[in-house]
Amino acid sequence: MRLRSMLGRGAVVGCVLATLPAQAALAATPAAPDTTSSVTVVTTTPSQQVGGLPASTLDGKTEYIPQGTKTAKTARTMKSAVGDGSTGPATGYDISWPQCGGAMPPSSSVAIVGVDDGHLFSQNPCFDQELAWASTASEQGLYMVVDSPIGWTSPHVLQYAYHGPAGDCTATEYACLSFNWGYNAASYAVQWAESQGADTSQWWLDTELPTSTSIDPPGANCYAPNFWVCDPTYNDIVIQAAATVLRANGKSVGVYSTKTQWQSITGGMPFAGPIWIAGYDYPAATYCDPANASTYWFALSEPKLVQSLPATFDPDTDC
């Protein structure tokens, strides 16, 4: 994940990870992980390629037990949030597709790897190399991008937002579209990562505004195609649906954002998991300090990590 300004796309609100709009998935659909188990879905039309069941239907009347998928590769065990016993906070880096083709960061205590190629339903092309780099760290994690499907008509959106565990959606059934999108995207991400041998329990949802115009303004264009819509109700559903899938697969889930961006995207939604703060002006300790919680913390949660401005790689510090 590189802190960058998405050159040519406007001012950045805070620090950003390496992301592209999921709707950039106009390219060929990547091959989905193999699945050998069939599932029966009540009153829904799931995308079986990325399959599984939600914890419940949107109205809460029907509950399900989500089913995970066994991996095709031998699991490469990754450690999660255990610390290395050294004095002081653990430090390290996060990397993803922007680092493909270059040297890996130095070995470190913290190592976090992006699973996608900057947008949902894609694959980090050098995931295996980056996973090998992360394997020696005492605190490891994976992250995936999240965004809104509303207003878009790319092949991925038509498949994975319009059809899924919440049912078959129309273009204006925003809750249905948002749930299917978040749920199917996380299902795809976790199954693909595990098929490559990744077996860490800590996942992060990259929730951000790549540019200052990456969220729709209130009014007539609230639901126009963009990274996020202006209505936090539906943005929240995307995030919670993705978190539901990850937790159902035994993962601990946190969110990466800033206080300002989280408020803009979610309306300040509480989140039951740690936060990873994109810090930029001050040392990491400033953002970790409970005395500064009202200024920097968000989601009614506590920080686990702080990402600072990069030199060659994005540095991260444990709180």
Protein backbone atom coordinates (compact mmCIF):
# COMPACT_ATOMS: atom_id res chain seq x y z
CA MET A 1 0.00 0.00 0.00
CA ARG A 2 1.66 3.19 -1.09
CA LEU A 3 0.76 6.60 0.30
CA ARG A 4 0.26 8.55 -2.88
CA SER A 5 -1.91 11.23 -4.43
CA MET A 6 -3.35 9.32 -7.38
CA LEU A 7 -1.52 11.64 -9.77
CA GLY A 8 -3.76 13.77 -11.88
CA ARG A 9 -6.92 12.90 -9.95
CA GLY A 10 -7.13 15.78 -7.48
CA ALA A 11 -6.21 16.50 -3.89
CA VAL A 12 -5.98 13.72 -1.37
CA VAL A 13 -7.96 13.78 1.86
CA GLY A 14 -5.41 12.37 4.28
CA CYS A 15 -3.23 9.41 3.42
CA VAL A 16 -4.37 6.73 1.02
CA LEU A 17 -3.52 3.13 0.32
CA ALA A 18 -2.90 1.83 -3.16
CA THR A 19 -6.37 1.63 -4.62
CA LEU A 20 -8.25 1.94 -7.86
CA PRO A 21 -12.03 2.08 -8.23
CA ALA A 22 -13.46 -1.41 -8.16
CA GLN A 23 -15.40 -0.36 -11.20
CA ALA A 24 -12.10 -0.31 -13.06
CA ALA A 25 -12.82 -4.02 -13.26
CA LEU A 26 -13.95 -3.59 -16.85
CA ALA A 27 -11.11 -5.89 -17.76
CA ALA A 28 -11.59 -9.62 -18.08
CA THR A 29 -13.03 -11.26 -15.01
CA PRO A 30 -10.28 -13.10 -13.10
CA ALA A 31 -10.65 -16.79 -12.57
CA ALA A 32 -12.46 -17.44 -9.31
CA PRO A 33 -11.19 -19.93 -6.78
CA ASP A 34 -12.28 -23.49 -7.26
CA THR A 35 -15.02 -24.64 -4.96
CA THR A 36 -16.13 -28.21 -4.50
CA SER A 37 -18.97 -27.65 -2.05
CA SER A 38 -22.45 -26.69 -3.19
CA VAL A 39 -24.73 -24.56 -1.08
CA THR A 40 -28.47 -24.06 -0.99
CA VAL A 41 -29.54 -20.44 -0.68
CA VAL A 42 -33.08 -19.62 0.39
CA THR A 43 -34.83 -16.99 -1.78
CA THR A 44 -31.55 -15.71 -3.19
CA THR A 45 -29.46 -16.13 -6.30
CA PRO A 46 -25.84 -16.31 -5.09
CA SER A 47 -22.76 -15.91 -7.21
CA GLN A 48 -21.59 -19.47 -6.74
CA GLN A 49 -18.13 -18.70 -8.08
CA VAL A 50 -17.37 -16.63 -5.01
CA GLY A 51 -20.24 -18.28 -3.10
CA GLY A 52 -21.17 -18.88 0.50
CA LEU A 53 -24.00 -17.60 2.63
CA PRO A 54 -24.46 -14.42 4.66
CA ALA A 55 -25.01 -14.50 8.40
CA SER A 56 -28.63 -13.60 7.73
CA THR A 57 -30.89 -12.07 5.14
CA LEU A 58 -31.10 -8.29 5.16
CA ASP A 59 -34.44 -8.38 6.98
CA GLY A 60 -32.92 -10.63 9.65
CA LYS A 61 -35.64 -13.26 9.25
CA THR A 62 -33.41 -16.04 7.94
CA GLU A 63 -30.05 -16.91 9.45
CA TYR A 64 -27.32 -18.92 7.79
CA ILE A 65 -23.99 -20.44 8.76
CA PRO A 66 -21.45 -19.25 6.18
CA GLN A 67 -19.32 -21.98 4.64
CA GLY A 68 -15.61 -21.50 4.00
CA THR A 69 -13.65 -23.02 1.15
CA LYS A 70 -10.65 -25.31 1.58
CA THR A 71 -7.50 -24.01 -0.03
CA ALA A 72 -5.87 -25.50 -3.08
CA LYS A 73 -2.33 -24.81 -1.87
CA THR A 74 -0.70 -25.91 1.33
CA ALA A 75 -1.34 -23.16 3.83
CA ARG A 76 1.58 -20.89 4.53
CA THR A 77 1.00 -20.05 8.18
CA MET A 78 1.12 -16.34 8.93
CA LYS A 79 1.33 -14.91 12.42
CA SER A 80 -1.09 -12.20 13.49
CA ALA A 81 -0.74 -9.43 16.02
CA VAL A 82 1.39 -11.36 18.48
CA GLY A 83 4.33 -8.96 18.83
CA ASP A 84 7.99 -9.92 18.87
CA GLY A 85 8.84 -9.33 22.53
CA SER A 86 11.16 -6.44 21.72
CA THR A 87 11.22 -3.14 23.57
CA GLY A 88 9.09 -0.41 22.04
CA PRO A 89 6.36 -0.62 19.41
CA ALA A 90 6.75 -3.04 16.54
CA THR A 91 7.45 -1.43 13.17
CA GLY A 92 7.35 -2.54 9.57
CA TYR A 93 5.72 -1.97 6.19
CA ASP A 94 2.68 -2.62 4.03
CA ILE A 95 3.00 -3.45 0.34
CA SER A 96 0.80 -4.46 -2.58
CA TRP A 97 0.60 -4.24 -6.38
CA PRO A 98 2.57 -0.94 -6.68
CA GLN A 99 5.66 -2.74 -5.39
CA CYS A 100 5.46 -5.50 -8.01
CA GLY A 101 8.64 -5.77 -10.03
CA GLY A 102 10.77 -4.00 -7.43
CA ALA A 103 12.78 -4.93 -4.39
CA MET A 104 10.97 -6.00 -1.25
CA PRO A 105 11.20 -3.95 1.97
CA PRO A 106 13.69 -4.92 4.66
CA SER A 107 12.63 -7.69 7.02
CA SER A 108 10.50 -6.22 9.78
CA SER A 109 8.25 -7.05 12.70
CA VAL A 110 5.11 -5.78 10.95
CA ALA A 111 4.26 -6.96 7.43
CA ILE A 112 0.92 -6.39 5.68
CA VAL A 113 0.16 -7.43 2.09
CA GLY A 114 -2.66 -6.37 -0.22
CA VAL A 115 -4.54 -9.23 -1.85
CA ASP A 116 -5.93 -7.37 -4.87
CA ASP A 117 -4.65 -5.37 -7.82
CA GLY A 118 -6.12 -2.08 -6.59
CA HIS A 119 -9.79 -2.92 -7.09
CA LEU A 120 -12.22 -5.62 -6.03
CA PHE A 121 -12.38 -8.99 -7.82
CA SER A 122 -8.74 -8.75 -8.89
CA GLN A 123 -5.52 -10.39 -7.77
CA ASN A 124 -2.24 -8.90 -6.63
CA PRO A 125 0.07 -10.10 -9.44
CA CYS A 126 3.06 -10.54 -7.12
CA PHE A 127 1.14 -11.82 -4.10
CA ASP A 128 3.29 -14.92 -3.74
CA GLN A 129 6.54 -12.93 -3.66
CA GLU A 130 5.13 -10.42 -1.17
CA LEU A 131 3.68 -13.18 0.98
CA ALA A 132 7.12 -14.77 1.16
CA TRP A 133 8.58 -11.43 2.29
CA ALA A 134 5.95 -11.17 5.05
CA SER A 135 6.47 -14.71 6.30
CA THR A 136 9.27 -13.81 8.74
CA ALA A 137 7.41 -10.98 10.47
CA SER A 138 5.97 -11.48 13.93
CA GLU A 139 2.87 -9.44 13.12
CA GLN A 140 1.29 -10.07 9.75
CA GLY A 141 -1.92 -9.19 7.97
CA LEU A 142 -3.72 -8.90 4.66
CA TYR A 143 -5.87 -6.11 3.30
CA MET A 144 -8.52 -5.60 0.63
CA VAL A 145 -10.08 -2.50 -0.93
CA VAL A 146 -13.79 -1.73 -0.42
CA ASP A 147 -16.01 0.70 -2.34
CA SER A 148 -19.56 1.16 -3.60
CA PRO A 149 -21.12 -0.50 -6.65
CA ILE A 150 -24.09 1.88 -6.88
CA GLY A 151 -24.58 3.48 -10.29
CA TRP A 152 -21.99 1.34 -12.07
CA THR A 153 -22.69 -1.15 -14.85
CA SER A 154 -19.33 -2.87 -15.32
CA PRO A 155 -19.43 -6.66 -15.78
CA HIS A 156 -18.26 -7.22 -12.20
CA VAL A 157 -20.99 -5.01 -10.77
CA LEU A 158 -23.69 -6.59 -12.92
CA GLN A 159 -22.63 -10.02 -11.68
CA TYR A 160 -21.57 -9.52 -8.09
CA ALA A 161 -23.77 -6.62 -6.96
CA TYR A 162 -26.96 -7.43 -8.83
CA HIS A 163 -26.86 -11.09 -7.77
CA GLY A 164 -25.83 -12.60 -4.47
CA PRO A 165 -26.89 -13.58 -0.97
CA ALA A 166 -29.21 -10.57 -0.62
CA GLY A 167 -31.09 -11.68 -3.73
CA ASP A 168 -31.51 -10.35 -7.27
CA CYS A 169 -31.40 -6.56 -7.16
CA THR A 170 -32.72 -3.77 -9.35
CA ALA A 171 -30.63 -0.69 -10.06
CA THR A 172 -32.36 1.27 -7.29
CA GLU A 173 -32.31 -1.40 -4.57
CA TYR A 174 -29.24 0.11 -3.01
CA ALA A 175 -29.15 -1.98 0.16
CA CYS A 176 -29.38 -5.19 -1.88
CA LEU A 177 -26.63 -4.07 -4.27
CA SER A 178 -24.36 -2.96 -1.45
CA PHE A 179 -24.73 -6.15 0.57
CA ASN A 180 -24.09 -8.42 -2.41
CA TRP A 181 -21.06 -6.37 -3.48
CA GLY A 182 -19.35 -6.35 -0.11
CA TYR A 183 -20.18 -9.96 0.64
CA ASN A 184 -19.17 -11.39 -2.73
CA ALA A 185 -15.99 -9.29 -2.86
CA ALA A 186 -14.78 -10.46 0.53
CA SER A 187 -15.70 -14.05 -0.31
CA TYR A 188 -13.63 -13.84 -3.46
CA ALA A 189 -10.69 -12.18 -1.69
CA VAL A 190 -10.43 -14.60 1.22
CA GLN A 191 -10.87 -17.68 -0.95
CA TRP A 192 -8.28 -16.51 -3.46
CA ALA A 193 -5.78 -15.54 -0.74
CA GLU A 194 -6.16 -18.89 1.00
CA SER A 195 -5.82 -20.71 -2.31
CA GLN A 196 -2.39 -19.06 -2.59
CA GLY A 197 -1.36 -20.33 0.82
CA ALA A 198 -2.09 -17.24 2.92
CA ASP A 199 -3.33 -18.23 6.34
CA THR A 200 -3.34 -15.16 8.56
CA SER A 201 -6.20 -14.29 10.87
CA GLN A 202 -5.82 -10.50 10.61
CA TRP A 203 -7.51 -8.74 7.71
CA TRP A 204 -8.00 -5.03 7.06
CA LEU A 205 -10.66 -3.26 5.00
CA ASP A 206 -9.15 -0.33 3.11
CA THR A 207 -11.86 2.33 3.49
CA GLU A 208 -10.80 5.61 1.97
CA LEU A 209 -11.29 8.48 -0.46
CA PRO A 210 -8.51 8.28 -3.06
CA THR A 211 -9.26 11.90 -4.03
CA SER A 212 -11.35 14.73 -2.64
CA THR A 213 -14.04 14.03 -5.27
CA SER A 214 -14.26 10.27 -4.64
CA ILE A 215 -17.57 10.61 -2.80
CA ASP A 216 -20.80 11.94 -4.32
CA PRO A 217 -22.21 15.26 -3.09
CA PRO A 218 -25.67 15.35 -1.50
CA GLY A 219 -28.53 16.03 -3.87
CA ALA A 220 -29.34 14.84 -7.36
CA ASN A 221 -25.99 13.12 -7.85
CA CYS A 222 -25.90 11.32 -4.49
CA TYR A 223 -26.12 7.90 -6.16
CA ALA A 224 -24.06 8.61 -9.27
CA PRO A 225 -21.23 6.15 -10.00
CA ASN A 226 -18.24 7.02 -7.84
CA PHE A 227 -15.92 5.41 -5.33
CA TRP A 228 -18.55 6.08 -2.63
CA VAL A 229 -22.10 7.48 -2.69
CA CYS A 230 -23.17 10.36 -0.47
CA ASP A 231 -25.51 8.18 1.63
CA PRO A 232 -23.51 6.46 4.40
CA THR A 233 -26.31 3.93 4.94
CA TYR A 234 -25.32 2.00 1.84
CA ASN A 235 -21.59 2.53 2.23
CA ASP A 236 -21.92 1.03 5.71
CA ILE A 237 -23.66 -2.05 4.30
CA VAL A 238 -20.75 -2.73 1.93
CA ILE A 239 -18.26 -2.60 4.81
CA GLN A 240 -20.35 -4.66 7.21
CA ALA A 241 -21.11 -7.31 4.58
CA ALA A 242 -17.40 -7.72 3.82
CA ALA A 243 -16.61 -7.93 7.54
CA THR A 244 -19.34 -10.56 7.99
CA VAL A 245 -17.68 -12.83 5.44
CA LEU A 246 -14.21 -12.44 6.88
CA ARG A 247 -15.36 -13.14 10.43
CA ALA A 248 -17.31 -16.16 9.23
CA ASN A 249 -14.02 -17.46 7.84
CA GLY A 250 -12.33 -17.07 11.22
CA LYS A 251 -10.64 -13.74 10.53
CA SER A 252 -10.16 -10.76 12.81
CA VAL A 253 -11.20 -7.65 10.91
CA GLY A 254 -10.02 -4.06 11.22
CA VAL A 255 -10.45 -0.95 9.10
CA TYR A 256 -7.90 1.40 7.55
CA SER A 257 -8.95 5.05 7.23
CA THR A 258 -8.70 8.49 8.80
CA LYS A 259 -11.21 10.14 11.11
CA THR A 260 -12.24 12.59 8.38
CA GLN A 261 -12.61 9.98 5.66
CA TRP A 262 -14.41 7.50 7.90
CA GLN A 263 -16.92 10.18 8.88
CA SER A 264 -17.50 11.17 5.26
CA ILE A 265 -17.92 7.60 4.02
CA THR A 266 -19.79 5.94 6.90
CA GLY A 267 -21.27 8.79 8.90
CA GLY A 268 -19.12 7.67 11.83
CA MET A 269 -20.35 4.08 11.95
CA PRO A 270 -19.03 2.13 14.97
CA PHE A 271 -16.93 -0.87 13.98
CA ALA A 272 -16.27 -3.92 16.11
CA GLY A 273 -12.58 -4.23 15.40
CA PRO A 274 -9.28 -2.34 15.53
CA ILE A 275 -8.48 0.68 13.40
CA TRP A 276 -5.39 1.40 11.33
CA ILE A 277 -4.85 5.14 11.12
CA ALA A 278 -3.36 6.78 8.05
CA GLY A 279 -1.24 9.33 9.89
CA TYR A 280 0.86 11.92 8.15
CA ASP A 281 1.80 15.04 10.14
CA TYR A 282 3.10 13.67 13.43
CA PRO A 283 4.97 10.66 14.90
CA ALA A 284 2.95 7.47 15.27
CA ALA A 285 2.81 7.85 19.05
CA THR A 286 0.69 10.98 18.61
CA TYR A 287 -2.06 9.01 16.90
CA CYS A 288 -1.83 6.11 19.34
CA ASP A 289 -2.13 8.34 22.43
CA PRO A 290 -5.60 8.05 24.07
CA ALA A 291 -5.30 11.73 24.96
CA ASN A 292 -5.68 12.45 21.23
CA ALA A 293 -8.54 10.02 20.64
CA SER A 294 -11.11 12.72 19.93
CA THR A 295 -8.86 14.13 17.20
CA TYR A 296 -7.63 11.02 15.40
CA TRP A 297 -9.55 7.89 16.42
CA PHE A 298 -12.71 6.80 14.61
CA ALA A 299 -15.36 4.07 14.44
CA LEU A 300 -15.59 4.14 18.26
CA SER A 301 -12.55 1.88 18.23
CA GLU A 302 -8.89 1.92 19.24
CA PRO A 303 -5.88 2.00 16.92
CA LYS A 304 -3.75 -1.04 16.34
CA LEU A 305 -1.48 0.48 13.70
CA VAL A 306 -0.45 3.87 12.33
CA GLN A 307 0.80 4.29 8.76
CA SER A 308 3.22 7.16 8.20
CA LEU A 309 4.38 8.99 5.09
CA PRO A 310 6.57 6.76 2.95
CA ALA A 311 10.15 6.99 1.90
CA THR A 312 10.59 4.00 -0.41
CA PHE A 313 7.92 1.91 1.33
CA ASP A 314 4.94 2.72 3.57
CA PRO A 315 6.10 2.48 7.19
CA ASP A 316 3.75 1.19 9.88
CA THR A 317 4.02 1.34 13.65
CA ASP A 318 2.14 -0.73 16.19
CA CYS A 319 0.26 1.16 18.89
